N, C-alpha and C. Protein backbone atom coordinates (compact mmCIF):
# COMPACT_ATOMS: atom_id res chain seq x y z
N UNK A 1 146.42 46.09 -77.84
CA UNK A 1 146.00 47.22 -78.69
C UNK A 1 144.49 47.35 -78.69
N UNK A 2 143.87 46.19 -78.58
CA UNK A 2 142.40 46.13 -78.37
C UNK A 2 141.86 46.86 -77.21
N UNK A 3 142.62 46.65 -76.11
CA UNK A 3 142.24 47.38 -74.84
C UNK A 3 142.33 48.86 -75.06
N UNK A 4 143.28 49.46 -75.61
CA UNK A 4 143.46 50.81 -75.96
C UNK A 4 142.38 51.40 -76.74
N UNK A 5 141.96 50.72 -77.87
CA UNK A 5 140.88 51.08 -78.70
C UNK A 5 139.56 50.91 -77.90
N UNK A 6 139.35 50.02 -77.06
CA UNK A 6 138.14 49.85 -76.23
C UNK A 6 138.13 51.10 -75.29
N UNK A 7 139.14 51.32 -74.61
CA UNK A 7 139.19 52.47 -73.71
C UNK A 7 138.93 53.80 -74.40
N UNK A 8 139.56 54.00 -75.61
CA UNK A 8 139.39 55.14 -76.38
C UNK A 8 137.85 55.28 -76.65
N UNK A 9 137.39 54.23 -77.20
CA UNK A 9 135.91 54.18 -77.48
C UNK A 9 135.02 54.64 -76.39
N UNK A 10 135.26 53.94 -75.32
CA UNK A 10 134.40 54.28 -74.06
C UNK A 10 134.65 55.65 -73.61
N UNK A 11 135.80 56.18 -73.68
CA UNK A 11 136.08 57.66 -73.43
C UNK A 11 135.30 58.59 -74.29
N UNK A 12 135.31 58.32 -75.70
CA UNK A 12 134.72 59.20 -76.63
C UNK A 12 133.14 59.02 -76.42
N UNK A 13 132.66 57.96 -76.26
CA UNK A 13 131.24 57.74 -75.98
C UNK A 13 130.85 58.54 -74.67
N UNK A 14 131.66 58.48 -73.55
CA UNK A 14 131.31 59.12 -72.33
C UNK A 14 131.30 60.73 -72.53
N UNK A 15 132.31 61.07 -73.24
CA UNK A 15 132.43 62.63 -73.52
C UNK A 15 131.33 63.11 -74.40
N UNK A 16 130.92 62.28 -75.21
CA UNK A 16 129.84 62.83 -76.20
C UNK A 16 128.54 62.78 -75.31
N UNK A 17 128.32 61.82 -74.54
CA UNK A 17 127.13 61.77 -73.65
C UNK A 17 127.03 62.94 -72.68
N UNK A 18 128.19 63.23 -72.00
CA UNK A 18 128.27 64.33 -70.98
C UNK A 18 127.98 65.67 -71.78
N UNK A 19 128.58 65.89 -73.01
CA UNK A 19 128.37 67.00 -73.71
C UNK A 19 126.93 67.26 -74.09
N UNK A 20 126.29 66.18 -74.77
CA UNK A 20 124.89 66.31 -75.11
C UNK A 20 124.01 66.55 -73.92
N UNK A 21 124.28 65.97 -72.87
CA UNK A 21 123.36 66.11 -71.60
C UNK A 21 123.67 67.63 -71.23
N UNK A 22 124.74 68.06 -71.27
CA UNK A 22 125.05 69.59 -70.86
C UNK A 22 124.36 70.53 -71.71
N UNK A 23 124.43 70.04 -72.93
CA UNK A 23 123.73 71.05 -74.16
C UNK A 23 122.18 70.96 -73.88
N UNK A 24 121.53 69.86 -73.62
CA UNK A 24 120.19 69.79 -73.37
C UNK A 24 119.74 70.55 -72.17
N UNK A 25 120.48 70.32 -71.13
CA UNK A 25 120.34 71.16 -69.81
C UNK A 25 120.29 72.60 -70.01
N UNK A 26 121.22 73.03 -70.80
CA UNK A 26 121.37 74.45 -71.01
C UNK A 26 120.22 74.92 -71.86
N UNK A 27 119.79 74.04 -72.85
CA UNK A 27 118.59 74.54 -73.64
C UNK A 27 117.27 74.62 -72.70
N UNK A 28 117.12 73.59 -71.74
CA UNK A 28 115.98 73.57 -70.89
C UNK A 28 116.07 74.79 -69.90
N UNK A 29 117.16 75.15 -69.52
CA UNK A 29 117.42 76.39 -68.55
C UNK A 29 116.99 77.66 -69.37
N UNK A 30 117.30 77.65 -70.57
CA UNK A 30 117.13 78.84 -71.37
C UNK A 30 115.51 79.01 -71.65
N UNK A 31 114.94 77.80 -71.87
CA UNK A 31 113.45 77.85 -72.12
C UNK A 31 112.62 78.13 -70.80
N UNK A 32 113.17 77.75 -69.64
CA UNK A 32 112.54 78.06 -68.40
C UNK A 32 112.82 79.45 -67.94
N UNK A 33 113.93 80.12 -68.37
CA UNK A 33 114.23 81.40 -67.98
C UNK A 33 113.33 82.48 -68.68
N UNK A 34 112.99 82.18 -69.96
CA UNK A 34 112.20 83.13 -70.81
C UNK A 34 110.77 83.32 -70.38
N UNK A 35 110.32 84.49 -70.16
CA UNK A 35 108.94 84.70 -69.83
C UNK A 35 108.22 85.31 -70.89
N UNK A 36 107.03 84.99 -71.16
CA UNK A 36 106.18 85.55 -72.20
C UNK A 36 105.15 86.56 -71.60
N UNK A 37 104.85 87.64 -72.23
CA UNK A 37 103.75 88.45 -71.93
C UNK A 37 102.33 87.88 -72.38
N UNK A 38 101.43 88.43 -71.95
CA UNK A 38 100.07 88.03 -72.31
C UNK A 38 99.89 88.25 -73.86
N UNK A 39 100.50 89.28 -74.46
CA UNK A 39 100.47 89.49 -75.86
C UNK A 39 101.21 88.53 -76.73
N UNK A 40 102.49 88.03 -76.10
CA UNK A 40 103.21 87.12 -76.79
C UNK A 40 102.57 85.86 -76.75
N UNK A 41 101.91 85.33 -75.58
CA UNK A 41 101.17 84.09 -75.46
C UNK A 41 100.17 84.16 -76.61
N UNK A 42 99.29 85.23 -76.59
CA UNK A 42 98.26 85.29 -77.55
C UNK A 42 98.65 85.14 -78.94
N UNK A 43 99.68 85.75 -79.12
CA UNK A 43 100.37 85.77 -80.64
C UNK A 43 100.77 84.36 -80.95
N UNK A 44 101.54 83.56 -80.00
CA UNK A 44 101.83 82.25 -80.10
C UNK A 44 100.59 81.31 -80.39
N UNK A 45 99.52 81.51 -79.78
CA UNK A 45 98.36 80.87 -79.95
C UNK A 45 97.70 81.14 -81.11
N UNK A 46 97.99 82.32 -81.81
CA UNK A 46 97.35 82.69 -83.06
C UNK A 46 96.03 83.36 -82.73
N UNK A 47 95.88 84.11 -81.77
CA UNK A 47 94.56 84.80 -81.47
C UNK A 47 94.95 86.15 -80.66
N UNK A 48 93.88 87.02 -80.51
CA UNK A 48 94.03 88.33 -79.94
C UNK A 48 94.27 88.10 -78.50
N UNK A 49 94.67 89.11 -77.76
CA UNK A 49 94.75 89.03 -76.38
C UNK A 49 93.42 88.93 -75.66
N UNK A 50 92.40 89.51 -76.28
CA UNK A 50 91.04 89.42 -75.71
C UNK A 50 90.65 88.12 -75.76
N UNK A 51 90.82 87.28 -77.01
CA UNK A 51 90.47 85.93 -77.19
C UNK A 51 91.16 85.06 -76.23
N UNK A 52 92.45 85.36 -75.96
CA UNK A 52 93.12 84.53 -74.99
C UNK A 52 92.61 84.68 -73.61
N UNK A 53 92.35 85.84 -73.22
CA UNK A 53 91.74 86.09 -71.92
C UNK A 53 90.41 85.31 -71.76
N UNK A 54 89.59 85.39 -72.69
CA UNK A 54 88.33 84.71 -72.59
C UNK A 54 88.34 83.23 -72.60
N UNK A 55 89.18 82.53 -73.39
CA UNK A 55 89.29 81.12 -73.51
C UNK A 55 90.24 80.51 -72.64
N UNK A 56 91.41 80.96 -72.58
CA UNK A 56 92.62 80.33 -72.05
C UNK A 56 93.19 80.80 -70.86
N UNK A 57 93.25 81.97 -70.58
CA UNK A 57 93.97 82.59 -69.39
C UNK A 57 93.61 82.02 -68.16
N UNK A 58 92.24 81.78 -67.79
CA UNK A 58 91.85 81.15 -66.63
C UNK A 58 91.60 79.70 -66.53
N UNK A 59 91.76 78.97 -67.74
CA UNK A 59 91.46 77.59 -67.98
C UNK A 59 92.34 76.79 -66.88
N UNK A 60 91.77 75.89 -66.26
CA UNK A 60 92.52 75.18 -65.14
C UNK A 60 93.60 74.32 -65.73
N UNK A 61 93.54 73.91 -66.97
CA UNK A 61 94.56 73.29 -67.66
C UNK A 61 95.72 74.04 -68.15
N UNK A 62 95.48 75.34 -68.34
CA UNK A 62 96.56 76.14 -68.99
C UNK A 62 97.56 76.53 -67.74
N UNK A 63 98.85 76.63 -68.36
CA UNK A 63 99.84 77.06 -67.43
C UNK A 63 99.42 78.36 -66.53
N UNK A 64 99.86 78.27 -65.31
CA UNK A 64 99.48 79.46 -64.37
C UNK A 64 100.22 80.66 -64.74
N UNK A 65 99.64 81.66 -64.54
CA UNK A 65 100.23 83.12 -64.74
C UNK A 65 101.13 83.34 -63.57
N UNK A 66 102.26 83.88 -63.90
CA UNK A 66 103.29 84.33 -62.89
C UNK A 66 102.90 85.83 -62.43
N UNK A 67 103.64 86.27 -61.39
CA UNK A 67 103.42 87.58 -61.11
C UNK A 67 103.98 88.47 -62.31
N UNK A 68 103.50 89.69 -62.31
CA UNK A 68 103.87 90.66 -63.52
C UNK A 68 103.23 90.17 -64.71
N UNK A 69 102.22 89.35 -64.76
CA UNK A 69 101.43 88.92 -65.99
C UNK A 69 102.48 88.38 -66.96
N UNK A 70 103.25 87.24 -66.51
CA UNK A 70 104.12 86.60 -67.52
C UNK A 70 103.77 85.15 -67.26
N UNK A 71 104.20 84.42 -68.46
CA UNK A 71 104.11 83.01 -68.39
C UNK A 71 105.39 82.38 -68.80
N UNK A 72 105.82 81.09 -68.29
CA UNK A 72 106.98 80.50 -68.72
C UNK A 72 106.94 80.04 -70.18
N UNK A 73 107.87 80.46 -70.96
CA UNK A 73 107.79 79.93 -72.51
C UNK A 73 107.75 78.29 -72.38
N UNK A 74 108.42 77.59 -71.62
CA UNK A 74 108.57 76.27 -71.75
C UNK A 74 107.20 75.69 -71.36
N UNK A 75 106.49 76.23 -70.38
CA UNK A 75 105.05 75.69 -70.08
C UNK A 75 104.27 75.85 -71.15
N UNK A 76 104.15 77.04 -71.74
CA UNK A 76 103.26 77.13 -72.91
C UNK A 76 103.52 76.17 -73.93
N UNK A 77 104.75 75.97 -74.42
CA UNK A 77 105.07 75.17 -75.36
C UNK A 77 104.77 73.73 -74.98
N UNK A 78 104.98 73.30 -73.90
CA UNK A 78 104.52 71.91 -73.37
C UNK A 78 103.15 71.79 -73.47
N UNK A 79 102.29 72.85 -72.91
CA UNK A 79 100.88 72.73 -72.99
C UNK A 79 100.32 72.56 -74.39
N UNK A 80 101.04 73.36 -75.38
CA UNK A 80 100.74 73.28 -76.90
C UNK A 80 100.82 71.90 -77.35
N UNK A 81 101.94 71.28 -76.90
CA UNK A 81 102.38 70.04 -77.30
C UNK A 81 101.42 68.99 -76.89
N UNK A 82 100.75 69.06 -75.82
CA UNK A 82 99.90 68.11 -75.16
C UNK A 82 98.46 68.42 -75.49
N UNK A 83 98.20 69.33 -76.30
CA UNK A 83 96.73 69.59 -76.77
C UNK A 83 96.28 68.57 -77.75
């Protein structure tokens, strides 16, 4: 009986771990897929687009601009968290 309970416990733990990892990966994929415009980045930083251009857009530590003037949401959030 103990073997059955131990096996069941291991299976439940493994299933939960796989599910959580899958959910985390889905969220990361979602964050990386979303692109922000210059206006959205400025709004998130709490400033006007002009102020963003002047102080952050070309800062070497700021996430790099993608073609079509977009930034990855995940990179902006990571940059804000490391400030």
